[in-house]
Amino acid sequence: MKKRYEKEAGFTMVEMLIVLLIITVLLLIAIPNVVTNNGVAQNKGCDATIKLLESQAAAYAVEFNKAPASLSELQEAEYVDRITCPDESTLVLENGKVRKGS
């Protein structure tokens, strides 16, 4: 004699496909935004690094009564640890202003 099984609770294949479709659409929306925001964050980080280096150059000038000749001079005097942007682009110091190098 065969046992009759009652309908088991669970998801059907169609329900699973709908859930996967919704997740895929959400990922397609989210991934480009994350990539764009990553670039914006790196630019903001570089701007903040430039402002920090300029203020440290001013502090160096006050302490030693002369402007630093380069960013490496600030690094050697232990005013800063890092003289590059978060995206590893080089920075240069000219007339008390810091800018991205070429």
N, C-alpha and C. Protein backbone atom coordinates (compact mmCIF):
# COMPACT_ATOMS: atom_id res chain seq x y z
N MET A 1 0.83 -1.16 0.00
CA MET A 1 0.00 0.00 0.00
C MET A 1 0.89 1.25 0.00
N LYS A 2 0.58 2.16 -0.89
CA LYS A 2 1.35 3.37 -1.00
C LYS A 2 0.86 4.39 0.01
N LYS A 3 1.84 5.11 0.59
CA LYS A 3 1.47 6.19 1.49
C LYS A 3 1.22 7.44 0.69
N ARG A 4 0.24 8.14 1.05
CA ARG A 4 -0.05 9.41 0.37
C ARG A 4 0.60 10.52 1.15
N TYR A 5 1.39 11.29 0.44
CA TYR A 5 2.02 12.45 1.07
C TYR A 5 1.17 13.67 0.84
N GLU A 6 1.02 14.42 1.90
CA GLU A 6 0.31 15.68 1.73
C GLU A 6 1.26 16.67 1.09
N LYS A 7 0.70 17.71 0.53
CA LYS A 7 1.51 18.71 -0.14
C LYS A 7 2.49 19.31 0.85
N GLU A 8 3.77 19.21 0.53
CA GLU A 8 4.80 19.75 1.40
C GLU A 8 4.92 21.25 1.17
N ALA A 9 5.15 21.96 2.26
CA ALA A 9 5.32 23.42 2.15
C ALA A 9 6.71 23.69 1.60
N GLY A 10 6.81 24.61 0.68
CA GLY A 10 8.10 24.96 0.09
C GLY A 10 7.89 25.92 -1.06
N PHE A 11 9.00 26.31 -1.67
CA PHE A 11 8.93 27.25 -2.78
C PHE A 11 8.88 26.48 -4.09
N THR A 12 8.10 26.99 -5.01
CA THR A 12 8.08 26.39 -6.33
C THR A 12 9.21 26.97 -7.16
N MET A 13 9.47 26.38 -8.27
CA MET A 13 10.54 26.85 -9.15
C MET A 13 10.24 28.26 -9.65
N VAL A 14 9.00 28.54 -9.95
CA VAL A 14 8.61 29.87 -10.44
C VAL A 14 8.87 30.92 -9.37
N GLU A 15 8.54 30.63 -8.12
CA GLU A 15 8.80 31.57 -7.04
C GLU A 15 10.29 31.83 -6.87
N MET A 16 11.08 30.78 -6.97
CA MET A 16 12.54 30.94 -6.86
C MET A 16 13.08 31.79 -8.00
N LEU A 17 12.60 31.60 -9.21
CA LEU A 17 13.04 32.38 -10.35
C LEU A 17 12.67 33.86 -10.19
N ILE A 18 11.49 34.12 -9.64
CA ILE A 18 11.07 35.51 -9.42
C ILE A 18 11.98 36.17 -8.40
N VAL A 19 12.30 35.47 -7.32
CA VAL A 19 13.21 36.02 -6.31
C VAL A 19 14.58 36.29 -6.91
N LEU A 20 15.10 35.37 -7.69
CA LEU A 20 16.41 35.57 -8.33
C LEU A 20 16.37 36.74 -9.31
N LEU A 21 15.27 36.92 -10.01
CA LEU A 21 15.13 38.04 -10.92
C LEU A 21 15.15 39.37 -10.16
N ILE A 22 14.45 39.43 -9.05
CA ILE A 22 14.43 40.65 -8.23
C ILE A 22 15.82 40.96 -7.69
N ILE A 23 16.52 39.96 -7.20
CA ILE A 23 17.88 40.16 -6.68
C ILE A 23 18.81 40.65 -7.79
N THR A 24 18.68 40.08 -8.97
CA THR A 24 19.51 40.50 -10.11
C THR A 24 19.26 41.96 -10.47
N VAL A 25 18.00 42.36 -10.51
CA VAL A 25 17.68 43.76 -10.83
C VAL A 25 18.27 44.69 -9.78
N LEU A 26 18.15 44.34 -8.52
CA LEU A 26 18.71 45.17 -7.46
C LEU A 26 20.24 45.29 -7.58
N LEU A 27 20.90 44.19 -7.91
CA LEU A 27 22.35 44.23 -8.10
C LEU A 27 22.74 45.09 -9.30
N LEU A 28 21.97 45.01 -10.36
CA LEU A 28 22.24 45.83 -11.54
C LEU A 28 22.09 47.32 -11.25
N ILE A 29 21.23 47.65 -10.32
CA ILE A 29 21.06 49.05 -9.92
C ILE A 29 22.17 49.46 -8.95
N ALA A 30 22.54 48.60 -8.03
CA ALA A 30 23.47 48.96 -6.96
C ALA A 30 24.92 49.02 -7.40
N ILE A 31 25.37 48.11 -8.24
CA ILE A 31 26.80 48.03 -8.59
C ILE A 31 27.31 49.30 -9.27
N PRO A 32 26.64 49.87 -10.26
CA PRO A 32 27.15 51.12 -10.85
C PRO A 32 27.23 52.27 -9.84
N ASN A 33 26.29 52.34 -8.90
CA ASN A 33 26.33 53.38 -7.89
C ASN A 33 27.53 53.22 -6.97
N VAL A 34 27.85 52.00 -6.62
CA VAL A 34 29.01 51.75 -5.75
C VAL A 34 30.30 52.14 -6.46
N VAL A 35 30.42 51.80 -7.73
CA VAL A 35 31.61 52.13 -8.49
C VAL A 35 31.77 53.65 -8.62
N THR A 36 30.67 54.34 -8.91
CA THR A 36 30.71 55.81 -9.02
C THR A 36 31.08 56.45 -7.70
N ASN A 37 30.48 55.98 -6.62
CA ASN A 37 30.76 56.57 -5.31
C ASN A 37 32.18 56.29 -4.85
N ASN A 38 32.77 55.20 -5.28
CA ASN A 38 34.16 54.90 -4.94
C ASN A 38 35.08 55.96 -5.53
N GLY A 39 34.85 56.35 -6.78
CA GLY A 39 35.66 57.39 -7.40
C GLY A 39 35.48 58.73 -6.71
N VAL A 40 34.27 59.05 -6.33
CA VAL A 40 34.00 60.30 -5.61
C VAL A 40 34.72 60.30 -4.27
N ALA A 41 34.69 59.18 -3.57
CA ALA A 41 35.35 59.08 -2.27
C ALA A 41 36.86 59.25 -2.41
N GLN A 42 37.44 58.68 -3.46
CA GLN A 42 38.88 58.84 -3.66
C GLN A 42 39.24 60.29 -3.97
N ASN A 43 38.41 60.97 -4.76
CA ASN A 43 38.66 62.39 -5.04
C ASN A 43 38.56 63.23 -3.78
N LYS A 44 37.57 62.96 -2.96
CA LYS A 44 37.43 63.69 -1.69
C LYS A 44 38.61 63.40 -0.78
N GLY A 45 39.08 62.16 -0.77
CA GLY A 45 40.24 61.79 0.03
C GLY A 45 41.49 62.52 -0.44
N CYS A 46 41.64 62.68 -1.74
CA CYS A 46 42.80 63.39 -2.28
C CYS A 46 42.72 64.88 -1.93
N ASP A 47 41.52 65.46 -2.03
CA ASP A 47 41.34 66.87 -1.66
C ASP A 47 41.68 67.08 -0.18
N ALA A 48 41.26 66.17 0.67
CA ALA A 48 41.55 66.28 2.10
C ALA A 48 43.05 66.14 2.36
N THR A 49 43.72 65.25 1.62
CA THR A 49 45.16 65.08 1.77
C THR A 49 45.89 66.35 1.36
N ILE A 50 45.46 66.97 0.28
CA ILE A 50 46.08 68.21 -0.18
C ILE A 50 45.94 69.31 0.88
N LYS A 51 44.76 69.45 1.46
CA LYS A 51 44.54 70.47 2.49
C LYS A 51 45.40 70.19 3.72
N LEU A 52 45.51 68.91 4.10
CA LEU A 52 46.34 68.53 5.23
C LEU A 52 47.80 68.88 4.98
N LEU A 53 48.30 68.54 3.79
CA LEU A 53 49.70 68.82 3.47
C LEU A 53 49.96 70.33 3.45
N GLU A 54 49.02 71.12 2.94
CA GLU A 54 49.20 72.57 2.93
C GLU A 54 49.25 73.13 4.35
N SER A 55 48.40 72.61 5.22
CA SER A 55 48.43 73.10 6.61
C SER A 55 49.70 72.66 7.33
N GLN A 56 50.18 71.48 7.02
CA GLN A 56 51.43 71.02 7.63
C GLN A 56 52.63 71.82 7.09
N ALA A 57 52.58 72.21 5.83
CA ALA A 57 53.63 73.06 5.27
C ALA A 57 53.63 74.42 5.97
N ALA A 58 52.45 74.94 6.27
CA ALA A 58 52.36 76.21 6.99
C ALA A 58 52.89 76.06 8.41
N ALA A 59 52.58 74.97 9.07
CA ALA A 59 53.09 74.73 10.42
C ALA A 59 54.61 74.59 10.41
N TYR A 60 55.15 73.94 9.40
CA TYR A 60 56.60 73.80 9.25
C TYR A 60 57.23 75.18 9.08
N ALA A 61 56.61 76.03 8.27
CA ALA A 61 57.14 77.37 8.02
C ALA A 61 57.14 78.20 9.30
N VAL A 62 56.12 78.05 10.13
CA VAL A 62 56.07 78.79 11.40
C VAL A 62 57.18 78.31 12.34
N GLU A 63 57.39 77.01 12.41
CA GLU A 63 58.39 76.48 13.34
C GLU A 63 59.82 76.78 12.91
N PHE A 64 60.10 76.65 11.62
CA PHE A 64 61.48 76.79 11.15
C PHE A 64 61.76 78.14 10.47
N ASN A 65 60.77 79.02 10.41
CA ASN A 65 60.90 80.34 9.77
C ASN A 65 61.33 80.26 8.31
N LYS A 66 60.98 79.19 7.67
CA LYS A 66 61.22 79.03 6.23
C LYS A 66 60.25 78.00 5.70
N ALA A 67 59.83 78.19 4.47
CA ALA A 67 58.90 77.25 3.84
C ALA A 67 59.66 75.98 3.44
N PRO A 68 59.00 74.83 3.52
CA PRO A 68 59.67 73.61 3.07
C PRO A 68 59.87 73.64 1.56
N ALA A 69 60.99 73.09 1.13
CA ALA A 69 61.30 73.08 -0.29
C ALA A 69 60.47 72.04 -1.05
N SER A 70 60.12 70.98 -0.36
CA SER A 70 59.36 69.91 -1.01
C SER A 70 58.57 69.13 0.03
N LEU A 71 57.71 68.26 -0.46
CA LEU A 71 56.92 67.43 0.45
C LEU A 71 57.80 66.40 1.16
N SER A 72 58.85 65.97 0.50
CA SER A 72 59.74 65.00 1.14
C SER A 72 60.44 65.63 2.34
N GLU A 73 60.66 66.94 2.30
CA GLU A 73 61.23 67.63 3.46
C GLU A 73 60.26 67.58 4.64
N LEU A 74 58.97 67.73 4.36
CA LEU A 74 57.95 67.59 5.41
C LEU A 74 57.93 66.18 5.97
N GLN A 75 58.11 65.23 5.10
CA GLN A 75 58.09 63.83 5.53
C GLN A 75 59.33 63.52 6.38
N GLU A 76 60.48 64.03 5.98
CA GLU A 76 61.71 63.80 6.75
C GLU A 76 61.64 64.46 8.12
N ALA A 77 60.96 65.60 8.22
CA ALA A 77 60.80 66.29 9.51
C ALA A 77 59.66 65.69 10.32
N GLU A 78 59.07 64.61 9.83
CA GLU A 78 57.99 63.87 10.48
C GLU A 78 56.74 64.72 10.72
N TYR A 79 56.45 65.62 9.78
CA TYR A 79 55.20 66.36 9.83
C TYR A 79 54.07 65.56 9.19
N VAL A 80 54.41 64.73 8.24
CA VAL A 80 53.42 63.87 7.58
C VAL A 80 54.03 62.49 7.37
N ASP A 81 53.13 61.50 7.28
CA ASP A 81 53.57 60.12 7.02
C ASP A 81 53.53 59.81 5.53
N ARG A 82 52.57 60.39 4.87
CA ARG A 82 52.30 60.01 3.48
C ARG A 82 52.21 61.27 2.63
N ILE A 83 52.83 61.24 1.46
CA ILE A 83 52.80 62.42 0.58
C ILE A 83 52.19 62.09 -0.78
N THR A 84 51.30 61.11 -0.79
CA THR A 84 50.56 60.78 -2.00
C THR A 84 49.07 60.73 -1.67
N CYS A 85 48.25 60.81 -2.70
CA CYS A 85 46.80 60.70 -2.54
C CYS A 85 46.44 59.24 -2.27
N PRO A 86 45.22 59.00 -1.77
CA PRO A 86 44.79 57.61 -1.57
C PRO A 86 44.83 56.76 -2.85
N ASP A 87 44.68 57.41 -4.02
CA ASP A 87 44.75 56.66 -5.28
C ASP A 87 46.19 56.54 -5.78
N GLU A 88 47.16 56.86 -4.92
CA GLU A 88 48.60 56.75 -5.19
C GLU A 88 49.12 57.77 -6.21
N SER A 89 48.33 58.78 -6.56
CA SER A 89 48.85 59.82 -7.45
C SER A 89 49.80 60.71 -6.66
N THR A 90 50.84 61.19 -7.34
CA THR A 90 51.87 61.98 -6.67
C THR A 90 51.41 63.42 -6.48
N LEU A 91 51.93 64.03 -5.45
CA LEU A 91 51.63 65.42 -5.14
C LEU A 91 52.93 66.21 -5.09
N VAL A 92 52.86 67.48 -5.46
CA VAL A 92 54.04 68.34 -5.41
C VAL A 92 53.69 69.63 -4.67
N LEU A 93 54.72 70.23 -4.06
CA LEU A 93 54.56 71.46 -3.32
C LEU A 93 55.23 72.59 -4.09
N GLU A 94 54.44 73.63 -4.40
CA GLU A 94 54.96 74.79 -5.10
C GLU A 94 54.42 76.06 -4.45
N ASN A 95 55.30 76.90 -3.94
CA ASN A 95 54.91 78.18 -3.34
C ASN A 95 53.87 78.02 -2.25
N GLY A 96 54.02 77.01 -1.40
CA GLY A 96 53.10 76.79 -0.31
C GLY A 96 51.81 76.11 -0.68
N LYS A 97 51.60 75.83 -1.96
CA LYS A 97 50.39 75.16 -2.42
C LYS A 97 50.74 73.75 -2.90
N VAL A 98 49.87 72.82 -2.58
CA VAL A 98 50.05 71.44 -3.00
C VAL A 98 49.11 71.16 -4.17
N ARG A 99 49.63 70.47 -5.17
CA ARG A 99 48.81 70.11 -6.33
C ARG A 99 49.21 68.71 -6.78
N LYS A 100 48.36 68.13 -7.59
CA LYS A 100 48.68 66.82 -8.15
C LYS A 100 49.81 66.97 -9.15
N GLY A 101 50.75 66.05 -9.09
CA GLY A 101 51.87 66.07 -10.03
C GLY A 101 51.48 65.51 -11.37
N SER A 102 52.31 65.76 -12.36
CA SER A 102 52.00 65.24 -13.70
C SER A 102 52.71 63.96 -14.00
